[in-house]
Amino acid sequence: MNIEHVWQDYQQALKSFLHTKIENKADVDDLMQEIFIKTYQNLHLVKDISKVKSWLFQVANNTIIDFYRARAKQQNQTETPQILADNEQVKHDLMNCLAPFIQNLPQEQQALLIAVDLENEEQKALAEKMGVSYSTLKSRVQSSRKALRALFDECCHFEFDYCGKAIDYHRKPEFTKF
């Protein structure tokens, strides 16, 4: 079993597989090169020739996963400097947007969300300050976040991207609380 025969037999099928997962042709070509290199370096590890195809497609699948992880990481790194630069303005804008929602929660939930999510107070330190266990505080914070989310869902319809980030929203006409 040599690299030339394996690559000749499966190259087209691998490329077709990549095209079903990746839209950009240049990215597909780059990933094909990566898969070829991994195949060249590791083909000797495949002991059973009848398993070469499944091994190759597993290599391809793992390469696709690595590709999307790297892209997501790169995107987050390029967004971070701008977010940090505008941190105070972002906090102010976020507080203005969230204020009516948070104000409709019970006082304890308001205080927890402001401390933990807006002021970035450590939950362990906050638990000590409040005289409750860390697990109790975590539970209360989660409960507060769920209550806030319920208000959001009552107010608006959200659209999310493939990573679960909100990309758009529409206020529901029947929502009249504030």
Protein backbone atom coordinates (compact mmCIF):
# COMPACT_ATOMS: atom_id res chain seq x y z
CA MET A 1 0.00 0.00 0.00
CA ASN A 2 1.71 3.19 -1.14
CA ILE A 3 0.70 6.84 -1.06
CA GLU A 4 0.42 7.20 -4.85
CA HIS A 5 -2.13 4.40 -5.21
CA VAL A 6 -4.14 5.45 -2.17
CA TRP A 7 -4.23 9.08 -3.26
CA GLN A 8 -5.13 8.18 -6.84
CA ASP A 9 -7.97 5.93 -5.64
CA TYR A 10 -9.53 8.35 -3.15
CA GLN A 11 -8.51 11.89 -4.09
CA GLN A 12 -11.69 12.68 -6.03
CA ALA A 13 -14.00 11.23 -3.37
CA LEU A 14 -12.20 13.20 -0.66
CA LYS A 15 -12.48 16.40 -2.66
CA SER A 16 -16.20 15.84 -3.20
CA PHE A 17 -16.62 15.21 0.52
CA LEU A 18 -14.80 18.45 1.34
CA HIS A 19 -17.00 20.40 -1.08
CA THR A 20 -20.07 19.25 0.86
CA LYS A 21 -18.62 20.77 4.05
CA ILE A 22 -16.61 23.76 2.77
CA GLU A 23 -17.89 26.32 0.27
CA ASN A 24 -14.68 28.11 -0.68
CA LYS A 25 -12.72 26.29 -3.41
CA ALA A 26 -9.37 27.67 -2.21
CA ASP A 27 -10.06 26.37 1.29
CA VAL A 28 -10.93 22.96 -0.15
CA ASP A 29 -7.62 22.92 -2.04
CA ASP A 30 -5.71 23.90 1.12
CA LEU A 31 -7.43 21.16 3.11
CA MET A 32 -6.68 18.62 0.37
CA GLN A 33 -2.99 19.47 0.76
CA GLU A 34 -3.23 19.07 4.54
CA ILE A 35 -4.95 15.71 4.15
CA PHE A 36 -2.31 14.59 1.66
CA ILE A 37 0.48 15.52 4.09
CA LYS A 38 -1.24 13.73 6.97
CA THR A 39 -1.78 10.70 4.75
CA TYR A 40 1.87 10.71 3.66
CA GLN A 41 3.05 10.97 7.28
CA ASN A 42 0.68 8.42 8.80
CA LEU A 43 -0.38 5.91 6.13
CA HIS A 44 2.09 3.39 7.53
CA LEU A 45 -0.01 3.27 10.73
CA VAL A 46 -2.96 1.71 8.89
CA LYS A 47 -2.52 -2.03 9.36
CA ASP A 48 -5.54 -3.29 7.44
CA ILE A 49 -5.71 -2.19 3.79
CA SER A 50 -9.50 -2.66 3.80
CA LYS A 51 -9.76 0.19 6.32
CA VAL A 52 -7.81 2.78 4.32
CA LYS A 53 -10.93 4.48 2.97
CA SER A 54 -12.57 4.92 6.38
CA TRP A 55 -9.25 6.06 7.84
CA LEU A 56 -8.83 8.66 5.07
CA PHE A 57 -12.32 10.04 5.57
CA GLN A 58 -11.74 10.23 9.31
CA VAL A 59 -8.56 12.21 8.60
CA ALA A 60 -10.60 14.47 6.30
CA ASN A 61 -13.33 14.93 8.89
CA ASN A 62 -10.82 15.79 11.62
CA THR A 63 -9.11 18.25 9.26
CA ILE A 64 -12.46 19.96 8.61
CA ILE A 65 -13.11 20.21 12.35
CA ASP A 66 -9.64 21.72 12.88
CA PHE A 67 -10.30 24.17 10.03
CA TYR A 68 -13.53 25.47 11.58
CA ARG A 69 -12.02 25.65 15.07
CA ALA A 70 -9.06 27.67 13.78
CA ARG A 71 -11.39 29.98 11.86
CA ALA A 72 -13.59 30.55 14.92
CA LYS A 73 -10.54 31.20 17.11
CA GLN A 74 -9.10 33.61 14.55
CA GLN A 75 -12.42 35.44 14.27
CA ASN A 76 -12.67 35.78 18.06
CA GLN A 77 -9.10 37.09 18.26
CA THR A 78 -9.74 39.76 15.63
CA GLU A 79 -12.94 40.88 17.38
CA THR A 80 -11.40 41.09 20.87
CA PRO A 81 -9.19 44.20 20.45
CA GLN A 82 -12.12 46.32 19.28
CA ILE A 83 -14.30 45.05 22.11
CA LEU A 84 -11.59 45.80 24.65
CA ALA A 85 -10.95 49.24 23.18
CA ASP A 86 -14.63 50.15 23.50
CA ASN A 87 -15.09 48.31 26.80
CA GLU A 88 -16.52 51.25 28.78
CA GLN A 89 -18.79 52.30 25.93
CA VAL A 90 -19.91 48.71 25.42
CA LYS A 91 -20.69 48.37 29.13
CA HIS A 92 -22.68 51.60 29.05
CA ASP A 93 -24.62 50.60 25.92
CA LEU A 94 -25.23 47.11 27.25
CA MET A 95 -26.49 48.43 30.58
CA ASN A 96 -28.89 50.81 28.81
CA CYS A 97 -30.25 47.94 26.74
CA LEU A 98 -30.49 45.47 29.62
CA ALA A 99 -31.71 47.89 32.29
CA PRO A 100 -35.46 47.58 31.61
CA PHE A 101 -35.20 43.79 31.55
CA ILE A 102 -33.11 43.56 34.70
CA GLN A 103 -35.36 46.04 36.53
CA ASN A 104 -38.31 43.70 35.94
CA LEU A 105 -36.58 40.93 37.91
CA PRO A 106 -36.73 40.49 41.69
CA GLN A 107 -34.17 42.61 43.59
CA GLU A 108 -31.85 39.69 44.46
CA GLN A 109 -31.71 38.54 40.82
CA GLN A 110 -31.00 42.11 39.70
CA ALA A 111 -28.09 42.42 42.12
CA LEU A 112 -26.62 39.05 41.13
CA LEU A 113 -26.74 39.71 37.38
CA ILE A 114 -25.25 43.17 37.73
CA ALA A 115 -22.42 41.94 39.97
CA VAL A 116 -21.55 38.76 38.06
CA ASP A 117 -22.36 39.51 34.42
CA LEU A 118 -21.93 43.28 34.13
CA GLU A 119 -19.30 44.06 36.75
CA ASN A 120 -17.45 40.73 36.31
CA GLU A 121 -17.28 40.03 40.03
CA GLU A 122 -15.88 36.58 40.83
CA GLN A 123 -18.64 34.25 41.97
CA LYS A 124 -16.55 32.71 44.76
CA ALA A 125 -15.76 36.14 46.23
CA LEU A 126 -19.39 37.21 45.91
CA ALA A 127 -20.55 34.03 47.64
CA GLU A 128 -18.23 34.76 50.58
CA LYS A 129 -19.42 38.37 50.74
CA MET A 130 -23.07 37.23 50.75
CA GLY A 131 -22.41 34.47 53.28
CA VAL A 132 -23.67 31.65 51.05
CA SER A 133 -21.94 28.63 49.59
CA TYR A 134 -20.40 28.86 46.15
CA SER A 135 -22.77 26.22 44.76
CA THR A 136 -25.78 28.11 46.16
CA LEU A 137 -24.60 31.30 44.49
CA LYS A 138 -23.98 29.54 41.17
CA SER A 139 -27.50 28.13 41.33
CA ARG A 140 -28.97 31.57 42.04
CA VAL A 141 -27.00 33.15 39.19
CA GLN A 142 -28.21 30.46 36.77
CA SER A 143 -31.78 30.96 37.96
CA SER A 144 -31.42 34.73 37.46
CA ARG A 145 -30.05 34.23 33.95
CA LYS A 146 -32.96 31.93 33.10
CA ALA A 147 -35.43 34.53 34.35
CA LEU A 148 -33.71 37.20 32.24
CA ARG A 149 -33.74 34.90 29.21
CA ALA A 150 -37.46 34.29 29.73
CA LEU A 151 -38.04 38.05 29.59
CA PHE A 152 -35.98 38.29 26.40
CA ASP A 153 -37.96 35.46 24.83
CA GLU A 154 -41.22 37.08 25.89
CA CYS A 155 -40.15 40.39 24.33
CA CYS A 156 -38.35 39.43 21.16
CA HIS A 157 -37.78 36.78 18.53
CA PHE A 158 -34.04 36.14 18.11
CA GLU A 159 -32.06 34.75 15.17
CA PHE A 160 -28.78 32.95 15.88
CA ASP A 161 -25.74 32.08 13.77
CA TYR A 162 -24.20 28.61 13.62
CA CYS A 163 -22.20 29.30 16.81
CA GLY A 164 -25.28 30.26 18.80
CA LYS A 165 -24.58 34.00 18.80
CA ALA A 166 -27.57 36.30 18.37
CA ILE A 167 -27.32 38.02 15.00
CA ASP A 168 -30.73 39.69 14.80
CA TYR A 169 -33.90 40.20 16.75
CA HIS A 170 -37.44 41.44 16.19
CA ARG A 171 -39.59 42.83 18.95
CA LYS A 172 -42.85 40.94 19.35
CA PRO A 173 -45.77 43.33 18.83
CA GLU A 174 -47.73 41.79 21.70
CA PHE A 175 -44.99 42.60 24.25
CA THR A 176 -46.01 45.69 26.22
CA LYS A 177 -44.29 45.42 29.62
CA PHE A 178 -41.83 48.23 28.90
